[in-house]
Amino acid sequence: QVQLVESGGGLVQAGGSLRLSCAASGISFGLYAMGWYRQAPGKQRELVAFITSGGNPNYADSVKGRFTISRDNAKNTVYLQMNSLKPEDTAVYYCNADLLYTDHEYWGQGTQVTVSS
């Protein structure tokens, strides 16, 4: 059974930092591209960042220079370090595992990030 379990969300003031973690089980973690998406109230889910199986990171323009995605294949975990947080970063953040070019794609349950002004 595949599980993606996010942690690290919470309430933080603008300018602060949070680190999200996503622990995966039930998949060959090293083969998967791992991503973080977010969904704010009334908005569509959007890609925040992803990291390829080879370790190459990619970011949405809105978070470039503030967020860093990384992965630890030994721990089957992907991280999202979020710095200089803004109120517009407030959303539920979801972890995604995608075995590219297949139908093997999985989602976590999400973790709430709230940034107060």
Protein backbone atom coordinates (compact mmCIF):
# COMPACT_ATOMS: atom_id res chain seq x y z
CA GLN A 1 0.00 0.00 0.00
CA VAL A 2 1.38 3.37 -1.02
CA GLN A 3 1.48 6.09 1.61
CA LEU A 4 2.73 9.65 1.41
CA VAL A 5 2.65 11.32 4.81
CA GLU A 6 3.26 15.05 5.02
CA SER A 7 4.32 16.90 8.13
CA GLY A 8 5.70 20.27 9.14
CA GLY A 9 2.84 22.58 8.31
CA GLY A 10 1.58 25.19 10.70
CA LEU A 11 1.05 28.87 11.40
CA VAL A 12 3.90 31.29 10.84
CA GLN A 13 4.27 35.04 10.52
CA ALA A 14 5.17 36.65 7.22
CA GLY A 15 8.91 36.48 6.67
CA GLY A 16 9.21 33.28 8.65
CA SER A 17 10.20 29.78 7.62
CA LEU A 18 8.80 26.28 7.65
CA ARG A 19 10.12 22.93 6.47
CA LEU A 20 7.69 20.40 5.10
CA SER A 21 8.51 16.71 4.98
CA CYS A 22 6.88 13.90 3.04
CA ALA A 23 7.70 10.34 3.99
CA ALA A 24 6.88 7.76 1.33
CA SER A 25 6.30 4.05 1.69
CA GLY A 26 5.16 1.32 -0.67
CA ILE A 27 7.00 2.69 -3.70
CA SER A 28 10.49 2.47 -5.15
CA PHE A 29 11.14 6.00 -4.00
CA GLY A 30 14.32 6.59 -5.96
CA LEU A 31 12.52 6.02 -9.26
CA TYR A 32 9.86 8.64 -8.67
CA ALA A 33 9.80 12.34 -9.37
CA MET A 34 8.60 13.99 -6.18
CA GLY A 35 6.66 17.19 -6.05
CA TRP A 36 4.92 19.66 -3.81
CA TYR A 37 1.64 21.22 -4.87
CA ARG A 38 -0.60 23.64 -3.03
CA GLN A 39 -4.22 24.64 -3.08
CA ALA A 40 -5.55 27.82 -1.58
CA PRO A 41 -9.25 28.28 -0.82
CA GLY A 42 -11.21 28.88 -4.00
CA LYS A 43 -8.21 28.26 -6.23
CA GLN A 44 -6.95 25.37 -8.31
CA ARG A 45 -4.16 23.15 -7.11
CA GLU A 46 -0.84 24.41 -8.45
CA LEU A 47 2.65 23.03 -8.71
CA VAL A 48 5.10 24.57 -6.25
CA ALA A 49 8.22 22.54 -6.91
CA PHE A 50 9.34 19.13 -8.04
CA ILE A 51 12.55 17.18 -8.02
CA THR A 52 13.39 14.52 -10.56
CA SER A 53 14.58 11.04 -9.72
CA GLY A 54 18.02 12.29 -10.65
CA GLY A 55 17.81 15.12 -8.12
CA ASN A 56 17.16 18.07 -10.43
CA PRO A 57 14.86 20.66 -8.84
CA ASN A 58 12.30 22.85 -10.58
CA TYR A 59 10.24 25.69 -9.11
CA ALA A 60 7.21 27.78 -9.82
CA ASP A 61 8.18 31.37 -10.51
CA SER A 62 6.27 32.50 -7.43
CA VAL A 63 8.59 30.60 -5.08
CA LYS A 64 11.95 30.77 -6.84
CA GLY A 65 14.65 32.02 -4.51
CA ARG A 66 12.51 31.39 -1.41
CA PHE A 67 11.74 27.67 -1.46
CA THR A 68 14.10 24.73 -1.78
CA ILE A 69 13.08 21.18 -2.56
CA SER A 70 15.35 18.27 -1.71
CA ARG A 71 15.15 14.53 -1.34
CA ASP A 72 16.81 11.87 0.78
CA ASN A 73 16.49 8.56 -1.00
CA ALA A 74 17.90 6.67 1.98
CA LYS A 75 15.00 7.94 4.08
CA ASN A 76 12.36 7.86 1.31
CA THR A 77 11.62 11.47 2.15
CA VAL A 78 11.23 14.70 0.21
CA TYR A 79 11.49 18.11 1.84
CA LEU A 80 10.35 21.61 1.07
CA GLN A 81 12.23 24.36 2.87
CA MET A 82 10.15 27.51 2.74
CA ASN A 83 11.75 30.82 3.63
CA SER A 84 10.55 34.42 3.46
CA LEU A 85 6.98 33.22 3.61
CA LYS A 86 4.22 35.49 2.42
CA PRO A 87 0.50 35.52 3.22
CA GLU A 88 -0.15 34.41 -0.36
CA ASP A 89 1.72 31.18 0.39
CA THR A 90 -1.17 30.18 2.64
CA ALA A 91 -2.60 26.91 1.32
CA VAL A 92 -2.85 23.20 1.86
CA TYR A 93 0.39 21.68 0.61
CA TYR A 94 0.30 18.24 -0.98
CA CYS A 95 3.09 15.80 -1.66
CA ASN A 96 3.07 14.02 -5.02
CA ALA A 97 4.96 10.99 -6.28
CA ASP A 98 5.01 10.47 -10.03
CA LEU A 99 6.60 7.62 -11.94
CA LEU A 100 6.84 9.57 -15.17
CA TYR A 101 5.29 8.20 -18.37
CA THR A 102 3.21 5.69 -16.38
CA ASP A 103 -0.07 5.87 -14.52
CA HIS A 104 1.66 5.44 -11.19
CA GLU A 105 0.98 8.72 -9.42
CA TYR A 106 0.16 9.19 -5.75
CA TRP A 107 -0.87 12.00 -3.43
CA GLY A 108 -0.56 12.70 0.24
CA GLN A 109 -3.39 13.98 2.40
CA GLY A 110 -2.00 17.48 2.65
CA THR A 111 -0.71 19.74 5.37
CA GLN A 112 -1.98 23.23 6.12
CA VAL A 113 0.39 26.18 5.90
CA THR A 114 -0.93 29.50 7.14
CA VAL A 115 1.11 32.69 6.89
CA SER A 116 -0.17 35.64 8.87
CA SER A 117 0.56 39.23 7.90
